Amino acid sequence: MKIQPSTRRLRAALCLAATFSTLSLQGCAVVAVVDTVASVAVGTAGLAASAVIGTARIAGSAVGTAADAVLPGSGK
């Protein structure tokens, strides 16, 4: 799967924020910031995957409906 430019920019910004946070914060705060950045990145990837899956399902339904309309059926 090809990564969109907007996703690349988001990942780069998140990595930059995580790097800056680790340099400016200490201890548990660093863990919390990195955890939040990772959660946002995973959530973004999950939304992108859901969009692709949803699009594939809609396209599959449309193809199935078109095939049912064109091809002779079994009489159901």
Protein backbone atom coordinates (compact mmCIF):
# COMPACT_ATOMS: atom_id res chain seq x y z
CA MET A 1 0.00 0.00 0.00
CA LYS A 2 1.40 3.40 -1.00
CA ILE A 3 1.60 5.99 1.77
CA GLN A 4 -0.07 9.31 0.93
CA PRO A 5 2.03 12.51 1.16
CA SER A 6 -0.28 13.91 3.86
CA THR A 7 0.29 10.79 5.96
CA ARG A 8 4.04 11.13 5.52
CA ARG A 9 3.91 14.74 6.70
CA LEU A 10 1.82 13.73 9.71
CA ARG A 11 4.26 10.98 10.63
CA ALA A 12 7.22 13.33 10.21
CA ALA A 13 5.54 15.94 12.43
CA LEU A 14 4.72 13.32 15.06
CA CYS A 15 8.31 12.03 15.03
CA LEU A 16 9.64 15.56 15.34
CA ALA A 17 7.29 16.25 18.25
CA ALA A 18 8.32 13.03 19.95
CA THR A 19 12.01 13.83 19.49
CA PHE A 20 11.60 17.37 20.82
CA SER A 21 9.59 16.07 23.77
CA THR A 22 12.22 13.51 24.72
CA LEU A 23 14.88 16.21 24.70
CA SER A 24 12.89 18.74 26.73
CA LEU A 25 11.04 16.49 29.18
CA GLN A 26 12.21 13.88 31.65
CA GLY A 27 11.05 10.56 33.04
CA CYS A 28 7.39 9.66 32.99
CA ALA A 29 6.43 12.72 30.94
CA VAL A 30 8.51 11.40 28.03
CA VAL A 31 6.78 8.03 28.20
CA ALA A 32 3.36 9.73 28.24
CA VAL A 33 4.18 11.92 25.23
CA VAL A 34 5.63 9.07 23.20
CA ASP A 35 2.62 6.91 24.08
CA THR A 36 0.26 9.64 22.89
CA VAL A 37 2.19 10.12 19.65
CA ALA A 38 2.15 6.38 18.99
CA SER A 39 -1.59 6.18 19.70
CA VAL A 40 -2.31 8.99 17.26
CA ALA A 41 -0.15 7.37 14.57
CA VAL A 42 -1.84 3.99 15.02
CA GLY A 43 -5.27 5.61 15.03
CA THR A 44 -4.51 7.45 11.79
CA ALA A 45 -3.31 4.24 10.14
CA GLY A 46 -6.42 2.44 11.38
CA LEU A 47 -8.71 5.09 9.89
CA ALA A 48 -6.90 4.91 6.57
CA ALA A 49 -7.23 1.13 6.50
CA SER A 50 -10.93 1.36 7.38
CA ALA A 51 -11.49 3.79 4.53
CA VAL A 52 -9.76 1.45 2.06
CA ILE A 53 -11.76 -1.55 3.29
CA GLY A 54 -15.03 0.39 3.15
CA THR A 55 -14.29 1.55 -0.39
CA ALA A 56 -13.51 -2.02 -1.46
CA ARG A 57 -16.79 -3.26 0.05
CA ILE A 58 -18.82 -0.59 -1.73
CA ALA A 59 -17.05 -1.30 -5.02
CA GLY A 60 -17.67 -5.03 -4.55
CA SER A 61 -21.36 -4.44 -3.91
CA ALA A 62 -21.65 -2.26 -7.00
CA VAL A 63 -19.93 -4.88 -9.16
CA GLY A 64 -22.15 -7.62 -7.74
CA THR A 65 -25.30 -5.59 -8.38
CA ALA A 66 -24.20 -4.80 -11.94
CA ALA A 67 -23.40 -8.47 -12.58
CA ASP A 68 -26.81 -9.53 -11.23
CA ALA A 69 -28.49 -7.05 -13.56
CA VAL A 70 -26.58 -8.17 -16.66
CA LEU A 71 -26.15 -11.90 -16.18
CA PRO A 72 -29.07 -14.32 -16.29
CA GLY A 73 -29.89 -15.42 -12.76
CA SER A 74 -30.78 -18.76 -11.26
CA GLY A 75 -34.38 -17.65 -10.71
CA LYS A 76 -34.14 -16.87 -7.00
